[in-house]
Amino acid sequence: MPVRAHWLLPEGTRVGIVPATSGLRAGDEAQTWLDQNGNVVSQPLDLGDATAAGITAAALIWLSAVGLLTAAYFAAVAGLNHHRSASWGRAWAKVEPDWSRRA
């Protein structure tokens, strides 16, 4: 639940809206996370969440790399098959008249 609060910084007091848990009363202290400029930010990830995010990112990068390499492989195979088929077609065009006795 967002509430109006004030907090102390080296350059003075700042007033703003911060998230607070239910059950707090006026004057109670609540933990609030600030950035280097004294602005309210969300709580940083804990070790478990950071580890999960890192593992997820690594898995997505790995899967993307595998997908790109697989796509490159199939594109190369398709290109080589096209080249071989064209080569076979040219070779057949040379020998087909002799084999079919149409020479």
N, C-alpha and C. Protein backbone atom coordinates (compact mmCIF):
# COMPACT_ATOMS: atom_id res chain seq x y z
N MET A 1 0.85 -1.16 0.00
CA MET A 1 0.00 0.00 0.00
C MET A 1 0.91 1.24 0.00
N PRO A 2 0.78 2.13 -0.98
CA PRO A 2 1.61 3.33 -1.01
C PRO A 2 1.20 4.35 0.06
N VAL A 3 2.21 4.90 0.73
CA VAL A 3 1.96 5.91 1.77
C VAL A 3 2.92 7.08 1.59
N ARG A 4 2.53 8.21 2.14
CA ARG A 4 3.40 9.39 2.11
C ARG A 4 4.42 9.23 3.23
N ALA A 5 5.70 9.49 2.91
CA ALA A 5 6.75 9.32 3.91
C ALA A 5 7.83 10.37 3.70
N HIS A 6 8.69 10.48 4.70
CA HIS A 6 9.86 11.35 4.56
C HIS A 6 11.08 10.57 5.04
N TRP A 7 12.22 10.86 4.43
CA TRP A 7 13.45 10.21 4.81
C TRP A 7 14.60 11.19 4.72
N LEU A 8 15.64 10.89 5.48
CA LEU A 8 16.78 11.80 5.59
C LEU A 8 17.88 11.39 4.61
N LEU A 9 18.42 12.38 3.93
CA LEU A 9 19.56 12.20 3.05
C LEU A 9 20.65 13.15 3.50
N PRO A 10 21.89 12.97 3.08
CA PRO A 10 22.95 13.90 3.49
C PRO A 10 22.63 15.35 3.14
N GLU A 11 21.90 15.59 2.04
CA GLU A 11 21.59 16.96 1.64
C GLU A 11 20.27 17.47 2.22
N GLY A 12 19.57 16.66 3.00
CA GLY A 12 18.34 17.12 3.63
C GLY A 12 17.25 16.06 3.61
N THR A 13 16.05 16.48 3.98
CA THR A 13 14.91 15.57 4.06
C THR A 13 14.20 15.52 2.72
N ARG A 14 13.79 14.33 2.34
CA ARG A 14 13.02 14.15 1.11
C ARG A 14 11.66 13.60 1.49
N VAL A 15 10.60 14.03 0.78
CA VAL A 15 9.24 13.56 1.01
C VAL A 15 8.74 12.94 -0.28
N GLY A 16 8.03 11.80 -0.15
CA GLY A 16 7.49 11.15 -1.33
C GLY A 16 6.57 10.01 -0.95
N ILE A 17 6.14 9.28 -1.96
CA ILE A 17 5.27 8.12 -1.79
C ILE A 17 6.13 6.86 -1.83
N VAL A 18 5.96 6.00 -0.85
CA VAL A 18 6.72 4.76 -0.76
C VAL A 18 5.77 3.60 -0.51
N PRO A 19 6.15 2.40 -0.92
CA PRO A 19 5.32 1.23 -0.59
C PRO A 19 5.50 0.86 0.88
N ALA A 20 4.45 0.44 1.52
CA ALA A 20 4.53 0.02 2.92
C ALA A 20 3.62 -1.19 3.12
N THR A 21 4.00 -2.02 4.06
CA THR A 21 3.18 -3.20 4.36
C THR A 21 2.01 -2.78 5.25
N SER A 22 0.97 -3.56 5.21
CA SER A 22 -0.19 -3.24 6.05
C SER A 22 0.18 -3.48 7.52
N GLY A 23 -0.51 -2.80 8.40
CA GLY A 23 -0.27 -2.95 9.84
C GLY A 23 0.63 -1.88 10.40
N LEU A 24 1.26 -1.07 9.56
CA LEU A 24 2.09 0.01 10.07
C LEU A 24 1.22 1.21 10.42
N ARG A 25 1.63 1.96 11.45
CA ARG A 25 0.91 3.16 11.85
C ARG A 25 1.79 4.38 11.58
N ALA A 26 1.19 5.54 11.58
CA ALA A 26 1.93 6.77 11.37
C ALA A 26 3.09 6.84 12.35
N GLY A 27 4.27 7.14 11.87
CA GLY A 27 5.45 7.24 12.71
C GLY A 27 6.27 5.97 12.75
N ASP A 28 5.70 4.82 12.32
CA ASP A 28 6.47 3.57 12.28
C ASP A 28 7.52 3.66 11.18
N GLU A 29 8.62 2.94 11.39
CA GLU A 29 9.66 2.88 10.37
C GLU A 29 9.36 1.75 9.41
N ALA A 30 9.66 1.99 8.14
CA ALA A 30 9.49 0.96 7.11
C ALA A 30 10.75 0.95 6.26
N GLN A 31 11.19 -0.24 5.90
CA GLN A 31 12.38 -0.35 5.06
C GLN A 31 12.03 0.11 3.65
N THR A 32 12.83 1.03 3.12
CA THR A 32 12.63 1.56 1.77
C THR A 32 13.97 1.57 1.07
N TRP A 33 13.99 1.19 -0.18
CA TRP A 33 15.22 1.13 -0.95
C TRP A 33 15.35 2.40 -1.79
N LEU A 34 16.55 2.98 -1.77
CA LEU A 34 16.82 4.21 -2.49
C LEU A 34 17.98 4.00 -3.46
N ASP A 35 17.95 4.72 -4.58
CA ASP A 35 19.10 4.69 -5.49
C ASP A 35 20.14 5.71 -5.07
N GLN A 36 21.20 5.86 -5.84
CA GLN A 36 22.29 6.77 -5.46
C GLN A 36 21.85 8.23 -5.41
N ASN A 37 20.71 8.57 -6.02
CA ASN A 37 20.20 9.94 -5.98
C ASN A 37 19.15 10.16 -4.89
N GLY A 38 18.86 9.12 -4.12
CA GLY A 38 17.88 9.24 -3.05
C GLY A 38 16.45 9.00 -3.49
N ASN A 39 16.25 8.50 -4.70
CA ASN A 39 14.90 8.19 -5.20
C ASN A 39 14.50 6.79 -4.78
N VAL A 40 13.21 6.60 -4.51
CA VAL A 40 12.69 5.30 -4.11
C VAL A 40 12.75 4.33 -5.30
N VAL A 41 13.27 3.14 -5.07
CA VAL A 41 13.35 2.09 -6.09
C VAL A 41 12.84 0.79 -5.48
N SER A 42 12.61 -0.20 -6.33
CA SER A 42 12.15 -1.49 -5.81
C SER A 42 13.31 -2.22 -5.13
N GLN A 43 12.94 -3.15 -4.28
CA GLN A 43 13.93 -3.93 -3.52
C GLN A 43 14.78 -4.73 -4.49
N PRO A 44 16.10 -4.79 -4.29
CA PRO A 44 16.95 -5.60 -5.17
C PRO A 44 16.65 -7.09 -4.98
N LEU A 45 17.06 -7.87 -5.96
CA LEU A 45 16.84 -9.31 -5.90
C LEU A 45 17.66 -9.92 -4.77
N ASP A 46 17.09 -10.92 -4.13
CA ASP A 46 17.87 -11.65 -3.14
C ASP A 46 18.71 -12.70 -3.87
N LEU A 47 19.55 -13.42 -3.15
CA LEU A 47 20.47 -14.37 -3.76
C LEU A 47 19.74 -15.42 -4.59
N GLY A 48 18.65 -15.95 -4.07
CA GLY A 48 17.89 -16.99 -4.79
C GLY A 48 17.29 -16.46 -6.08
N ASP A 49 16.69 -15.27 -6.01
CA ASP A 49 16.09 -14.69 -7.21
C ASP A 49 17.16 -14.32 -8.24
N ALA A 50 18.29 -13.79 -7.79
CA ALA A 50 19.38 -13.44 -8.70
C ALA A 50 19.95 -14.69 -9.36
N THR A 51 20.08 -15.77 -8.58
CA THR A 51 20.57 -17.03 -9.14
C THR A 51 19.60 -17.56 -10.19
N ALA A 52 18.32 -17.53 -9.88
CA ALA A 52 17.31 -18.01 -10.83
C ALA A 52 17.32 -17.16 -12.10
N ALA A 53 17.46 -15.85 -11.94
CA ALA A 53 17.50 -14.97 -13.11
C ALA A 53 18.75 -15.26 -13.95
N GLY A 54 19.87 -15.49 -13.32
CA GLY A 54 21.10 -15.82 -14.03
C GLY A 54 21.00 -17.13 -14.78
N ILE A 55 20.45 -18.14 -14.12
CA ILE A 55 20.29 -19.45 -14.76
C ILE A 55 19.32 -19.35 -15.93
N THR A 56 18.24 -18.61 -15.75
CA THR A 56 17.28 -18.42 -16.84
C THR A 56 17.92 -17.71 -18.02
N ALA A 57 18.67 -16.66 -17.74
CA ALA A 57 19.35 -15.93 -18.82
C ALA A 57 20.34 -16.83 -19.54
N ALA A 58 21.12 -17.60 -18.80
CA ALA A 58 22.10 -18.51 -19.41
C ALA A 58 21.40 -19.55 -20.27
N ALA A 59 20.29 -20.09 -19.79
CA ALA A 59 19.55 -21.10 -20.56
C ALA A 59 18.98 -20.49 -21.84
N LEU A 60 18.45 -19.27 -21.75
CA LEU A 60 17.90 -18.62 -22.94
C LEU A 60 19.00 -18.31 -23.96
N ILE A 61 20.16 -17.88 -23.47
CA ILE A 61 21.29 -17.61 -24.38
C ILE A 61 21.73 -18.91 -25.04
N TRP A 62 21.83 -19.98 -24.27
CA TRP A 62 22.24 -21.27 -24.81
C TRP A 62 21.23 -21.77 -25.85
N LEU A 63 19.95 -21.69 -25.52
CA LEU A 63 18.92 -22.13 -26.46
C LEU A 63 18.93 -21.28 -27.73
N SER A 64 19.15 -19.99 -27.60
CA SER A 64 19.23 -19.12 -28.77
C SER A 64 20.42 -19.50 -29.64
N ALA A 65 21.56 -19.76 -29.02
CA ALA A 65 22.75 -20.16 -29.78
C ALA A 65 22.50 -21.48 -30.50
N VAL A 66 21.91 -22.45 -29.80
CA VAL A 66 21.61 -23.73 -30.43
C VAL A 66 20.63 -23.54 -31.59
N GLY A 67 19.62 -22.71 -31.39
CA GLY A 67 18.66 -22.44 -32.45
C GLY A 67 19.31 -21.79 -33.66
N LEU A 68 20.18 -20.80 -33.42
CA LEU A 68 20.86 -20.14 -34.54
C LEU A 68 21.80 -21.10 -35.28
N LEU A 69 22.53 -21.91 -34.53
CA LEU A 69 23.42 -22.88 -35.17
C LEU A 69 22.63 -23.94 -35.95
N THR A 70 21.51 -24.37 -35.41
CA THR A 70 20.67 -25.33 -36.12
C THR A 70 20.12 -24.72 -37.40
N ALA A 71 19.65 -23.49 -37.33
CA ALA A 71 19.15 -22.80 -38.53
C ALA A 71 20.26 -22.63 -39.55
N ALA A 72 21.47 -22.28 -39.11
CA ALA A 72 22.60 -22.13 -40.03
C ALA A 72 22.94 -23.46 -40.68
N TYR A 73 22.89 -24.53 -39.90
CA TYR A 73 23.17 -25.88 -40.45
C TYR A 73 22.16 -26.23 -41.55
N PHE A 74 20.88 -26.06 -41.24
CA PHE A 74 19.87 -26.42 -42.24
C PHE A 74 19.91 -25.51 -43.45
N ALA A 75 20.27 -24.24 -43.27
CA ALA A 75 20.42 -23.34 -44.41
C ALA A 75 21.60 -23.78 -45.28
N ALA A 76 22.70 -24.19 -44.65
CA ALA A 76 23.85 -24.68 -45.41
C ALA A 76 23.52 -25.96 -46.15
N VAL A 77 22.83 -26.87 -45.48
CA VAL A 77 22.43 -28.13 -46.14
C VAL A 77 21.52 -27.84 -47.33
N ALA A 78 20.57 -26.93 -47.16
CA ALA A 78 19.67 -26.59 -48.27
C ALA A 78 20.45 -25.98 -49.42
N GLY A 79 21.39 -25.10 -49.12
CA GLY A 79 22.21 -24.49 -50.17
C GLY A 79 23.06 -25.52 -50.89
N LEU A 80 23.67 -26.43 -50.13
CA LEU A 80 24.48 -27.48 -50.76
C LEU A 80 23.61 -28.42 -51.60
N ASN A 81 22.44 -28.78 -51.10
CA ASN A 81 21.54 -29.64 -51.88
C ASN A 81 21.12 -28.96 -53.17
N HIS A 82 20.84 -27.68 -53.11
CA HIS A 82 20.47 -26.93 -54.32
C HIS A 82 21.63 -26.93 -55.31
N HIS A 83 22.84 -26.69 -54.81
CA HIS A 83 24.02 -26.69 -55.68
C HIS A 83 24.24 -28.06 -56.31
N ARG A 84 24.15 -29.13 -55.49
CA ARG A 84 24.32 -30.49 -56.02
C ARG A 84 23.25 -30.83 -57.04
N SER A 85 22.01 -30.45 -56.77
CA SER A 85 20.92 -30.73 -57.71
C SER A 85 21.15 -30.02 -59.04
N ALA A 86 21.58 -28.76 -58.98
CA ALA A 86 21.86 -28.03 -60.21
C ALA A 86 23.03 -28.66 -60.96
N SER A 87 24.05 -29.10 -60.22
CA SER A 87 25.21 -29.76 -60.85
C SER A 87 24.79 -31.07 -61.51
N TRP A 88 23.97 -31.86 -60.81
CA TRP A 88 23.49 -33.11 -61.39
C TRP A 88 22.64 -32.84 -62.63
N GLY A 89 21.84 -31.79 -62.59
CA GLY A 89 21.01 -31.43 -63.75
C GLY A 89 21.86 -31.08 -64.95
N ARG A 90 22.95 -30.33 -64.74
CA ARG A 90 23.84 -29.99 -65.85
C ARG A 90 24.54 -31.23 -66.38
N ALA A 91 24.98 -32.12 -65.46
CA ALA A 91 25.64 -33.35 -65.90
C ALA A 91 24.67 -34.24 -66.67
N TRP A 92 23.44 -34.34 -66.22
CA TRP A 92 22.44 -35.16 -66.90
C TRP A 92 22.13 -34.59 -68.29
N ALA A 93 22.10 -33.28 -68.39
CA ALA A 93 21.84 -32.65 -69.69
C ALA A 93 22.92 -33.00 -70.69
N LYS A 94 24.15 -33.25 -70.21
CA LYS A 94 25.24 -33.63 -71.11
C LYS A 94 25.14 -35.09 -71.54
N VAL A 95 24.77 -35.99 -70.62
CA VAL A 95 24.80 -37.43 -70.93
C VAL A 95 23.45 -37.97 -71.37
N GLU A 96 22.38 -37.28 -71.09
CA GLU A 96 21.04 -37.80 -71.39
C GLU A 96 20.84 -38.10 -72.87
N PRO A 97 21.31 -37.26 -73.81
CA PRO A 97 21.11 -37.60 -75.23
C PRO A 97 21.75 -38.94 -75.61
N ASP A 98 22.94 -39.25 -75.06
CA ASP A 98 23.58 -40.53 -75.38
C ASP A 98 22.84 -41.70 -74.76
N TRP A 99 22.35 -41.52 -73.57
CA TRP A 99 21.67 -42.61 -72.88
C TRP A 99 20.28 -42.86 -73.44
N SER A 100 19.65 -41.84 -73.93
CA SER A 100 18.30 -42.04 -74.46
C SER A 100 18.31 -42.30 -75.96
N ARG A 101 19.46 -42.35 -76.55
CA ARG A 101 19.66 -42.63 -77.97
C ARG A 101 19.00 -41.57 -78.84
N ARG A 102 18.95 -40.34 -78.36
CA ARG A 102 18.39 -39.25 -79.17
C ARG A 102 19.48 -38.43 -79.83
N ALA A 103 20.72 -38.90 -79.79
CA ALA A 103 21.84 -38.13 -80.36
C ALA A 103 21.86 -38.16 -81.87
